[in-house]
Structures are given as C-alpha cells and as structure tokens.
Amino acid sequence: MSPHTFLLYLATWLVVALSPGPAVVLSVTQSTKYGFRSSLSGIVGIQCGNLFFFVCAALGLGAVLSSAAGAFTALRILGAFYLFYLGARAVMRSFRRPESTVPASAGPAKNRSLFLQGVLVQLTNPKALLFVSALLPQFINPALPAPQQLTILAVGTVVVDLLVLSSYAYIAQRGLRRLQSSTAGVWLERVFGVALMFFGLRLLFARK
C-alpha cells in the first residue's frame, strides 16, 4: 500500500466518521450526561467494535453475513431495538433526574457500562460491517500481504475515529457549560435520546 493510498483511505474514513450516526450521538449523549472523560469509555468500546469488523472482513465474514439474509435481518433488528432502548431510556431519565448543566460523575462500574454500550451499538449494526467489508478491498493492494495492510488500515481507522468522536464529545460538553441554562442539559439529553431512537428506527427499516 502506497502512502498516497493510505492518505486517501484516511480522508475517506474521516468523512465517514464526521457524518452523524449512532456512534456520534452515543458519544455526545454520554459526554453531556457523565462528562468528557467518562464518554471516552464508550468511544473506546466503539473502537473495539471497529477492530472486530476488521477481523470479520479479513475472515470474509462480511460476505457471509451479506448472503445470509436471516442472520443479517436478526442482527439488524437486534441493533435497532438496542438503539431505540438507549434512546427511550435517555428520554425517560431526563424527566426523572434534577435539572443541571453539570454532568453526573461516573464511577468504574458506570464506565464499564458505557464501554459495553459502545461495543454493542457498533457490533449490532450489520450495515457498518457490510460497509467496512465493501470499502477495504478498494484500498488493498493484492500484490502485497493483506494482513499487514489490514493492520495499517485498522490502526488508521481507530486513530481517526478516536479523534473525531472525542472532538464531538468534548465540544458537546463545553457547549453545554456555555449555555448556562438550568434546563439545557435536560433538553439536550432528550434531543440525543430521540436521535438514538431515530437511528434505531432507520436501522430497523433499512435494507442491504
């Protein structure tokens, strides 16, 4: 893989990472509710999901999932309901907790929960796996060893994704503090919760 090809891949993935989706909304939601540092747990979980996608792509499991309509549908429905559940829970909790612009602190147990949320949101999105499986071959040089190239692309993907999602999470928390409104945090949580529910419904009715 030439440096030009690698940079082209990074630019392509940067556009993908910047596009609002479940991962972005989850990172922002966790940041505004539990703080930027705690949201990093969820972001790391998302990257674990990305790495799993690369392993699946290397093993050809993306093509298997694409041809297995039943497995694809089951995973898509599971992912859709999980996103809808996270969104609905965020909305309902916003009506029960005290109105405050200060994110609640998250302990080790909660950080593990945020990490698991990130992993599950990413892994239960079969369209993401199919996208990765379709994208990678365009940047792989068949004349060179594939494992080394996939490793380089995986590292680049994780670095770009970490930077983008961390930036979204940091900006969201800083923006919440600047609003200086007693209801800002509550309404932002509701908006992000509705956004997660929307992505869940969109995934539910999505086609390959």
Protein backbone atom coordinates (compact mmCIF):
# COMPACT_ATOMS: atom_id res chain seq x y z
CA MET A 1 0.00 0.00 0.00
CA SER A 2 1.42 3.34 -1.04
CA PRO A 3 1.39 6.41 1.23
CA HIS A 4 -0.99 8.07 -1.24
CA THR A 5 -3.47 5.19 -0.95
CA PHE A 6 -3.26 5.25 2.83
CA LEU A 7 -3.88 9.01 2.97
CA LEU A 8 -6.80 8.61 0.59
CA TYR A 9 -8.26 5.96 2.90
CA LEU A 10 -7.82 8.22 5.94
CA ALA A 11 -9.58 11.05 4.12
CA THR A 12 -12.42 8.71 3.16
CA TRP A 13 -12.82 7.42 6.71
CA LEU A 14 -12.66 10.97 8.08
CA VAL A 15 -15.73 11.85 6.02
CA VAL A 16 -17.46 8.70 7.28
CA ALA A 17 -16.53 9.44 10.91
CA LEU A 18 -17.72 13.05 10.70
CA SER A 19 -21.12 12.00 9.39
CA PRO A 20 -23.67 11.97 12.25
CA GLY A 21 -24.67 8.45 13.17
CA PRO A 22 -25.32 6.22 16.19
CA ALA A 23 -21.68 6.33 17.32
CA VAL A 24 -21.58 10.12 17.24
CA VAL A 25 -24.90 10.51 19.05
CA LEU A 26 -23.93 7.95 21.70
CA SER A 27 -20.60 9.67 22.35
CA VAL A 28 -22.23 13.08 22.66
CA THR A 29 -25.00 11.72 24.89
CA GLN A 30 -22.54 10.07 27.26
CA SER A 31 -20.37 13.20 27.37
CA THR A 32 -23.20 15.58 28.25
CA LYS A 33 -24.55 13.25 30.91
CA TYR A 34 -21.41 11.81 32.52
CA GLY A 35 -18.63 14.13 31.39
CA PHE A 36 -16.00 14.02 28.67
CA ARG A 37 -13.62 11.65 30.45
CA SER A 38 -16.33 9.08 31.10
CA SER A 39 -17.51 9.28 27.48
CA LEU A 40 -14.07 8.04 26.42
CA SER A 41 -15.05 4.63 27.79
CA GLY A 42 -17.89 4.41 25.29
CA ILE A 43 -15.67 5.71 22.49
CA VAL A 44 -13.08 3.01 23.22
CA GLY A 45 -15.90 0.45 23.13
CA ILE A 46 -16.89 1.68 19.68
CA GLN A 47 -13.30 1.22 18.51
CA CYS A 48 -13.31 -2.35 19.80
CA GLY A 49 -16.34 -2.87 17.57
CA ASN A 50 -14.43 -1.38 14.64
CA LEU A 51 -11.49 -3.71 15.23
CA PHE A 52 -13.88 -6.65 15.31
CA PHE A 53 -15.21 -5.53 11.91
CA PHE A 54 -11.68 -5.64 10.51
CA VAL A 55 -11.23 -9.17 11.82
CA CYS A 56 -14.53 -10.16 10.21
CA ALA A 57 -13.52 -8.51 6.95
CA ALA A 58 -10.20 -10.37 6.98
CA LEU A 59 -12.02 -13.67 7.52
CA GLY A 60 -14.60 -12.90 4.86
CA LEU A 61 -17.46 -12.87 7.37
CA GLY A 62 -18.88 -9.69 5.88
CA ALA A 63 -19.65 -11.51 2.65
CA VAL A 64 -21.14 -14.39 4.61
CA LEU A 65 -23.43 -12.03 6.51
CA SER A 66 -24.44 -10.31 3.28
CA SER A 67 -25.52 -13.62 1.75
CA ALA A 68 -27.21 -14.88 4.92
CA ALA A 69 -30.43 -12.89 4.85
CA GLY A 70 -31.75 -14.37 8.09
CA ALA A 71 -28.62 -13.57 10.10
CA PHE A 72 -28.45 -10.07 8.64
CA THR A 73 -32.09 -9.38 9.49
CA ALA A 74 -31.78 -10.77 13.01
CA LEU A 75 -28.70 -8.67 13.78
CA ARG A 76 -30.28 -5.58 12.21
CA ILE A 77 -33.44 -5.95 14.33
CA LEU A 78 -31.37 -6.52 17.48
CA GLY A 79 -29.29 -3.43 16.80
CA ALA A 80 -32.36 -1.35 16.02
CA PHE A 81 -34.12 -2.30 19.25
CA TYR A 82 -30.97 -1.68 21.29
CA LEU A 83 -30.56 1.82 19.84
CA PHE A 84 -34.26 2.52 20.43
CA TYR A 85 -33.91 1.23 24.00
CA LEU A 86 -30.92 3.50 24.73
CA GLY A 87 -32.75 6.49 23.28
CA ALA A 88 -36.01 5.82 25.12
CA ARG A 89 -34.15 5.31 28.39
CA ALA A 90 -32.30 8.61 27.96
CA VAL A 91 -35.56 10.45 27.32
CA MET A 92 -37.34 8.88 30.31
CA ARG A 93 -34.42 9.53 32.65
CA SER A 94 -34.34 13.17 31.62
CA PHE A 95 -37.80 13.58 33.17
CA ARG A 96 -36.71 12.00 36.46
CA ARG A 97 -33.32 13.50 37.21
CA PRO A 98 -32.72 17.03 38.63
CA GLU A 99 -32.17 19.71 36.04
CA SER A 100 -28.48 20.61 35.95
CA THR A 101 -25.80 21.64 33.49
CA VAL A 102 -23.13 19.75 35.43
CA PRO A 103 -22.66 16.18 34.09
CA ALA A 104 -23.02 13.49 36.73
CA SER A 105 -19.77 11.78 37.67
CA ALA A 106 -19.38 8.17 36.58
CA GLY A 107 -17.64 5.56 38.69
CA PRO A 108 -15.76 2.47 37.47
CA ALA A 109 -18.94 0.40 37.22
CA LYS A 110 -20.67 3.05 35.10
CA ASN A 111 -17.58 3.44 32.90
CA ARG A 112 -17.70 -0.30 32.20
CA SER A 113 -21.37 0.10 31.31
CA LEU A 114 -20.56 2.98 28.93
CA PHE A 115 -17.82 0.86 27.34
CA LEU A 116 -20.25 -2.01 26.83
CA GLN A 117 -22.80 0.36 25.29
CA GLY A 118 -20.20 1.47 22.76
CA VAL A 119 -19.30 -2.11 21.88
CA LEU A 120 -22.93 -3.19 21.49
CA VAL A 121 -24.00 -0.16 19.46
CA GLN A 122 -21.23 -0.85 16.98
CA LEU A 123 -21.47 -4.64 16.83
CA THR A 124 -25.24 -4.74 16.41
CA ASN A 125 -25.10 -2.59 13.28
CA PRO A 126 -24.66 -5.10 10.42
CA LYS A 127 -24.69 -2.33 7.81
CA ALA A 128 -21.47 -0.98 9.34
CA LEU A 129 -19.82 -4.38 8.89
CA LEU A 130 -21.01 -4.61 5.29
CA PHE A 131 -19.74 -1.08 4.63
CA VAL A 132 -16.30 -1.87 6.03
CA SER A 133 -16.16 -5.14 4.08
CA ALA A 134 -17.02 -3.30 0.86
CA LEU A 135 -14.68 -0.35 1.49
CA LEU A 136 -11.45 -2.15 2.45
CA PRO A 137 -10.83 -4.06 -0.80
CA GLN A 138 -10.66 -0.77 -2.69
CA PHE A 139 -7.51 0.17 -0.74
CA ILE A 140 -5.84 -3.25 -0.53
CA ASN A 141 -3.03 -3.99 -2.96
CA PRO A 142 -3.47 -7.65 -3.99
CA ALA A 143 0.26 -7.89 -4.78
CA LEU A 144 1.17 -7.25 -1.13
CA PRO A 145 0.41 -9.24 2.04
CA ALA A 146 -3.16 -8.46 3.13
CA PRO A 147 -2.71 -8.88 6.93
CA GLN A 148 -0.13 -6.09 7.15
CA GLN A 149 -2.27 -3.77 5.04
CA LEU A 150 -5.39 -4.50 7.09
CA THR A 151 -3.45 -3.81 10.27
CA ILE A 152 -2.31 -0.43 8.96
CA LEU A 153 -5.84 0.46 7.86
CA ALA A 154 -7.27 -0.69 11.20
CA VAL A 155 -4.86 1.49 13.16
CA GLY A 156 -5.65 4.46 10.92
CA THR A 157 -9.38 3.87 11.34
CA VAL A 158 -9.17 3.74 15.13
CA VAL A 159 -7.00 6.88 15.32
CA VAL A 160 -9.33 8.90 13.07
CA ASP A 161 -12.44 7.63 14.84
CA LEU A 162 -10.99 8.35 18.28
CA LEU A 163 -10.09 11.92 17.29
CA VAL A 164 -13.46 12.62 15.67
CA LEU A 165 -15.67 11.11 18.38
CA SER A 166 -13.56 12.64 21.16
CA SER A 167 -13.87 16.03 19.49
CA TYR A 168 -17.65 15.66 19.23
CA ALA A 169 -17.85 14.64 22.90
CA TYR A 170 -15.58 17.46 24.09
CA ILE A 171 -17.38 20.14 22.07
CA ALA A 172 -20.75 18.87 23.34
CA GLN A 173 -19.71 19.13 26.97
CA ARG A 174 -18.11 22.56 26.51
CA GLY A 175 -21.18 23.77 24.66
CA LEU A 176 -23.43 22.58 27.47
CA ARG A 177 -21.40 24.53 30.02
CA ARG A 178 -21.52 27.67 27.91
CA LEU A 179 -25.29 27.56 27.66
CA GLN A 180 -25.52 28.23 31.41
CA SER A 181 -29.15 27.16 31.46
CA SER A 182 -30.71 25.00 34.14
CA THR A 183 -32.74 23.14 31.53
CA ALA A 184 -30.11 22.86 28.80
CA GLY A 185 -28.73 19.53 29.95
CA VAL A 186 -32.20 18.02 30.27
CA TRP A 187 -33.31 19.10 26.81
CA LEU A 188 -30.05 18.06 25.18
CA GLU A 189 -30.43 14.62 26.72
CA ARG A 190 -33.95 14.40 25.31
CA VAL A 191 -32.82 15.51 21.86
CA PHE A 192 -29.98 12.98 21.78
CA GLY A 193 -32.31 10.29 23.10
CA VAL A 194 -34.77 10.98 20.29
CA ALA A 195 -31.85 10.90 17.82
CA LEU A 196 -30.85 7.42 19.04
CA MET A 197 -34.46 6.28 18.68
CA PHE A 198 -34.49 7.70 15.14
CA PHE A 199 -31.33 5.80 14.19
CA GLY A 200 -32.86 2.68 15.69
CA LEU A 201 -35.96 3.03 13.53
CA ARG A 202 -33.87 3.81 10.47
CA LEU A 203 -31.80 0.68 11.04
CA LEU A 204 -34.96 -1.36 11.60
CA PHE A 205 -36.39 -0.42 8.21
CA ALA A 206 -33.06 -0.33 6.38
CA ARG A 207 -32.25 -2.63 3.51
CA LYS A 208 -28.89 -4.05 2.48
